[in-house]
Amino acid sequence: MKIFAPPSGFVLVQLPTGPAWLRPKSKEPILHLWKKLNPKLSLRIVASRHPQRRLYLGRAPVTALPCSGLGEIIVRPCLHGGFWGKLAQDLYCGSHRARREIDLAEKLQQEKVPTPYILAVCFYPAGLFYRIDVVTSFVPDSRDLASFLSTRPSPLQRRRAFVAVRKLLHCCAQRGIRHPDLNARNILISGLTTPPISAWLLDVDAIRRESGPASNLATANRNRLLRSLLKRARLGDLGFSEKEIPKLWREIFPTK
């Protein structure tokens, strides 16, 4: 199937659930895990039933689970955002979305922008469409920014994490990267108990490359993040109230 010809660095495997792209080094560990649990079910369902799974909530539930030979892996279902998400939800035409994410992730890594390493992509036929799971390496000792803030971290912890966030966004702006969906769950903070602390970019299929002053891109990314923090505060899952966001924002991006 030409539409599923694998991108560079991946091999195509036909599974009972549909076609899949796997990196050669991750092929055997992932297929062994899948076969051991239930090869007739999608990987997202298999992962959600693993006795040692950990579930991370967001637009779509993301599951971390152990995989012999790879340490821990993340299984993330793809889901449309915005207005289109209300119509298409998790249905995609062909493999374009997955190819785009792989291409963007690899370019980010080449440019030293931290983002998790993609190990595999699984496609599940659904009529004329497909559902997609993306499998990435697990970043140890990490929380997304919303989850991190919900723990009400100490001022010292916040200061160290916010330095990493500023570094990440500066790096993005300098490379012409705008993330239209830069929300508090799309920034991952690692090294929380074993520094140094770093910030990673998630959901990279949404990013756009734009020309123009880096300061304009930095402002656009920050504004999108601010809207997300306000929304999460209103929903009550940030650990900070909406009234506290202006003070918190000055901590993240001090004016001096």
Protein backbone atom coordinates (compact mmCIF):
# COMPACT_ATOMS: atom_id res chain seq x y z
CA MET A 1 0.00 0.00 0.00
CA LYS A 2 1.76 3.10 -1.27
CA ILE A 3 -0.05 5.37 1.15
CA PHE A 4 1.61 3.52 4.02
CA ALA A 5 5.14 3.28 2.56
CA PRO A 6 7.20 3.97 5.69
CA PRO A 7 9.20 7.17 6.13
CA SER A 8 12.97 7.01 6.41
CA GLY A 9 14.08 5.22 9.57
CA PHE A 10 10.96 3.03 9.84
CA VAL A 11 9.80 -0.34 8.52
CA LEU A 12 6.24 -1.24 7.54
CA VAL A 13 4.63 -4.15 9.38
CA GLN A 14 1.16 -5.50 8.59
CA LEU A 15 -0.56 -6.45 11.85
CA PRO A 16 -4.01 -7.89 12.65
CA THR A 17 -5.07 -4.37 13.66
CA GLY A 18 -3.73 -2.69 10.53
CA PRO A 19 -0.44 -1.30 9.16
CA ALA A 20 2.24 0.03 11.50
CA TRP A 21 5.55 1.85 11.14
CA LEU A 22 8.25 0.77 13.56
CA ARG A 23 11.85 1.74 13.99
CA PRO A 24 13.99 -1.36 13.49
CA LYS A 25 15.33 -1.28 17.06
CA SER A 26 11.85 -0.90 18.57
CA LYS A 27 10.12 -3.44 16.33
CA GLU A 28 10.73 -6.62 18.30
CA PRO A 29 10.16 -5.14 21.81
CA ILE A 30 6.87 -3.50 20.84
CA LEU A 31 5.56 -6.49 18.87
CA HIS A 32 6.54 -8.87 21.67
CA LEU A 33 4.67 -6.76 24.22
CA TRP A 34 1.64 -6.46 21.93
CA LYS A 35 1.55 -10.20 21.15
CA LYS A 36 1.90 -11.08 24.82
CA LEU A 37 -1.09 -8.94 25.81
CA ASN A 38 -3.48 -9.23 22.83
CA PRO A 39 -2.39 -8.63 19.20
CA LYS A 40 -6.02 -8.39 18.04
CA LEU A 41 -6.66 -5.22 20.05
CA SER A 42 -5.33 -1.76 19.29
CA LEU A 43 -2.17 -0.79 21.11
CA ARG A 44 -4.01 1.97 22.97
CA ILE A 45 -6.42 -0.60 24.46
CA VAL A 46 -3.63 -3.05 25.23
CA ALA A 47 -1.67 -0.31 26.96
CA SER A 48 -4.69 0.84 28.99
CA ARG A 49 -5.08 -2.70 30.37
CA HIS A 50 -1.45 -3.27 31.31
CA PRO A 51 -1.15 -3.90 35.09
CA GLN A 52 1.75 -1.42 35.38
CA ARG A 53 0.26 1.29 33.23
CA ARG A 54 0.13 4.95 34.21
CA LEU A 55 -2.54 7.14 32.67
CA TYR A 56 -2.02 10.82 31.87
CA LEU A 57 -5.11 12.87 31.14
CA GLY A 58 -5.35 15.47 28.41
CA ARG A 59 -7.23 15.94 25.14
CA ALA A 60 -6.83 12.17 24.72
CA PRO A 61 -5.67 9.77 27.45
CA VAL A 62 -1.97 8.97 27.16
CA THR A 63 -0.61 5.76 28.65
CA ALA A 64 2.89 4.97 29.91
CA LEU A 65 3.86 1.33 30.30
CA PRO A 66 7.01 -0.79 30.57
CA CYS A 67 8.36 -2.42 27.41
CA SER A 68 11.29 -4.81 27.76
CA GLY A 69 14.24 -3.58 25.75
CA LEU A 70 12.95 -0.01 25.54
CA GLY A 71 12.39 0.88 29.18
CA GLU A 72 9.07 2.70 29.32
CA ILE A 73 7.09 3.85 26.33
CA ILE A 74 4.22 6.26 25.79
CA VAL A 75 1.17 5.32 23.70
CA ARG A 76 -0.71 8.41 22.56
CA PRO A 77 -3.89 8.33 20.45
CA CYS A 78 -4.07 11.13 17.88
CA LEU A 79 -7.04 13.45 18.16
CA HIS A 80 -8.03 16.52 16.18
CA GLY A 81 -8.23 19.79 18.09
CA GLY A 82 -10.45 22.84 17.79
CA PHE A 83 -13.68 22.95 15.79
CA TRP A 84 -12.53 20.18 13.43
CA GLY A 85 -12.03 17.95 16.45
CA LYS A 86 -15.74 18.15 17.23
CA LEU A 87 -16.50 16.73 13.79
CA ALA A 88 -13.67 14.32 12.97
CA GLN A 89 -12.60 13.49 16.54
CA ASP A 90 -9.90 10.81 16.09
CA LEU A 91 -10.47 9.91 12.43
CA TYR A 92 -7.81 10.67 9.80
CA CYS A 93 -7.45 10.24 6.05
CA GLY A 94 -4.39 8.17 5.29
CA SER A 95 -0.96 8.71 6.82
CA HIS A 96 -0.28 12.42 6.24
CA ARG A 97 -0.78 13.43 9.86
CA ALA A 98 1.69 10.81 11.13
CA ARG A 99 4.27 11.65 8.47
CA ARG A 100 4.06 15.31 9.40
CA GLU A 101 4.65 14.61 13.09
CA ILE A 102 7.64 12.34 12.38
CA ASP A 103 9.17 14.90 10.02
CA LEU A 104 8.68 17.81 12.42
CA ALA A 105 9.94 15.85 15.44
CA GLU A 106 13.13 14.86 13.64
CA LYS A 107 13.76 18.43 12.48
CA LEU A 108 13.24 19.72 16.02
CA GLN A 109 15.72 17.19 17.37
CA GLN A 110 18.26 18.23 14.74
CA GLU A 111 17.80 21.82 15.88
CA LYS A 112 18.30 20.84 19.54
CA VAL A 113 14.67 21.53 20.50
CA PRO A 114 13.81 18.77 23.02
CA THR A 115 10.87 16.59 22.00
CA PRO A 116 10.25 12.87 22.68
CA TYR A 117 11.65 10.33 20.20
CA ILE A 118 9.04 8.61 18.02
CA LEU A 119 9.37 4.80 18.11
CA ALA A 120 6.32 3.67 16.15
CA VAL A 121 3.02 4.69 14.56
CA CYS A 122 0.01 2.35 14.39
CA PHE A 123 -2.95 2.74 12.02
CA TYR A 124 -6.37 1.18 12.62
CA PRO A 125 -8.87 1.09 9.74
CA ALA A 126 -12.25 2.64 10.49
CA GLY A 127 -14.32 2.59 7.31
CA LEU A 128 -12.73 5.04 4.88
CA PHE A 129 -10.61 6.53 7.66
CA TYR A 130 -7.97 5.52 10.20
CA ARG A 131 -7.36 5.97 13.89
CA ILE A 132 -3.72 6.52 14.79
CA ASP A 133 -1.52 5.79 17.80
CA VAL A 134 1.92 7.36 18.13
CA VAL A 135 4.43 5.56 20.35
CA THR A 136 7.27 7.60 21.82
CA SER A 137 10.06 7.12 24.30
CA PHE A 138 9.15 7.97 27.88
CA VAL A 139 10.89 10.99 29.41
CA PRO A 140 11.68 9.90 32.99
CA ASP A 141 11.15 12.05 36.05
CA SER A 142 8.78 14.36 34.21
CA ARG A 143 5.40 16.09 34.42
CA ASP A 144 3.62 18.35 32.00
CA LEU A 145 3.52 21.99 33.05
CA ALA A 146 -0.12 21.85 34.18
CA SER A 147 0.50 18.76 36.29
CA PHE A 148 3.68 20.28 37.72
CA LEU A 149 1.86 23.44 38.77
CA SER A 150 -1.02 21.44 40.28
CA THR A 151 1.39 20.14 42.93
CA ARG A 152 1.92 23.71 44.17
CA PRO A 153 5.71 23.43 43.83
CA SER A 154 7.98 25.52 46.03
CA PRO A 155 9.28 28.88 44.77
CA LEU A 156 12.69 27.28 44.14
CA GLN A 157 11.16 24.44 42.10
CA ARG A 158 9.08 26.90 40.13
CA ARG A 159 12.04 29.16 39.45
CA ARG A 160 14.14 26.29 38.08
CA ALA A 161 11.29 24.95 35.95
CA PHE A 162 10.43 28.39 34.59
CA VAL A 163 14.04 28.98 33.51
CA ALA A 164 13.71 25.80 31.42
CA VAL A 165 10.37 26.96 29.96
CA ARG A 166 11.84 30.31 28.97
CA LYS A 167 14.81 28.57 27.37
CA LEU A 168 12.51 26.29 25.37
CA LEU A 169 10.32 29.11 24.09
CA HIS A 170 13.33 31.26 23.27
CA CYS A 171 14.80 28.36 21.31
CA CYS A 172 11.51 27.96 19.40
CA ALA A 173 11.27 31.66 18.54
CA GLN A 174 14.87 31.79 17.33
CA ARG A 175 14.13 28.90 14.96
CA GLY A 176 10.93 30.38 13.55
CA ILE A 177 8.63 27.98 15.39
CA ARG A 178 5.09 28.93 16.34
CA HIS A 179 2.97 26.41 18.23
CA PRO A 180 -0.73 27.31 17.74
CA ASP A 181 -1.68 24.78 20.41
CA LEU A 182 0.97 25.63 22.98
CA ASN A 183 -0.99 24.78 26.10
CA ALA A 184 0.11 23.87 29.61
CA ARG A 185 -0.06 20.16 28.76
CA ASN A 186 2.18 20.50 25.70
CA ILE A 187 5.25 21.50 27.70
CA LEU A 188 6.91 18.69 29.60
CA ILE A 189 9.21 19.41 32.55
CA SER A 190 11.87 16.77 33.29
CA GLY A 191 14.56 16.46 35.95
CA LEU A 192 12.19 17.42 38.75
CA THR A 193 13.84 15.21 41.37
CA THR A 194 17.22 14.75 39.67
CA PRO A 195 18.25 18.06 38.07
CA PRO A 196 19.12 19.60 35.69
CA ILE A 197 15.57 20.52 34.81
CA SER A 198 14.65 20.68 31.12
CA ALA A 199 11.52 21.61 29.17
CA TRP A 200 10.31 19.53 26.21
CA LEU A 201 7.88 20.40 23.42
CA LEU A 202 4.91 18.05 22.89
CA ASP A 203 2.16 17.71 20.25
CA VAL A 204 4.58 18.90 17.60
CA ASP A 205 2.38 18.07 14.60
CA ALA A 206 0.67 21.41 15.31
CA ILE A 207 3.75 23.60 14.96
CA ARG A 208 4.22 26.06 12.12
CA ARG A 209 7.38 27.52 10.62
CA GLU A 210 7.07 31.26 10.16
CA SER A 211 9.33 34.07 9.01
CA GLY A 212 9.48 37.42 10.71
CA PRO A 213 11.00 38.78 13.91
CA ALA A 214 11.67 36.21 16.63
CA SER A 215 10.07 38.61 19.11
CA ASN A 216 6.72 38.30 17.28
CA LEU A 217 6.86 34.51 17.44
CA ALA A 218 7.84 34.62 21.10
CA THR A 219 4.84 36.85 21.84
CA ALA A 220 2.44 34.58 19.91
CA ASN A 221 3.66 31.47 21.74
CA ARG A 222 3.50 33.17 25.13
CA ASN A 223 0.00 34.50 24.50
CA ARG A 224 -1.19 31.01 23.59
CA LEU A 225 0.35 29.58 26.76
CA LEU A 226 -1.23 32.32 28.87
CA ARG A 227 -4.70 31.53 27.49
CA SER A 228 -4.13 27.90 28.39
CA LEU A 229 -3.09 28.70 31.96
CA LEU A 230 -6.16 30.87 32.44
CA LYS A 231 -8.40 28.13 31.07
CA ARG A 232 -6.86 25.44 33.26
CA ALA A 233 -7.20 27.73 36.28
CA ARG A 234 -10.90 28.29 35.53
CA LEU A 235 -11.37 24.52 35.26
CA GLY A 236 -9.73 24.11 38.66
CA ASP A 237 -7.02 21.63 37.64
CA LEU A 238 -3.98 23.90 37.67
CA GLY A 239 -3.44 24.24 41.40
CA PHE A 240 -3.59 28.02 41.02
CA SER A 241 -6.73 30.16 40.88
CA GLU A 242 -7.47 32.48 37.99
CA LYS A 243 -6.66 35.46 40.23
CA GLU A 244 -3.21 34.02 40.89
CA ILE A 245 -2.29 33.68 37.20
CA PRO A 246 -0.98 37.26 36.71
CA LYS A 247 1.51 36.80 39.56
CA LEU A 248 2.45 33.34 38.31
CA TRP A 249 2.89 34.74 34.80
CA ARG A 250 5.36 37.34 36.09
CA GLU A 251 7.33 34.46 37.62
CA ILE A 252 7.43 32.58 34.34
CA PHE A 253 8.31 35.64 32.27
CA PRO A 254 9.78 38.33 34.54
CA THR A 255 10.05 41.78 32.99
CA LYS A 256 13.49 42.47 34.46
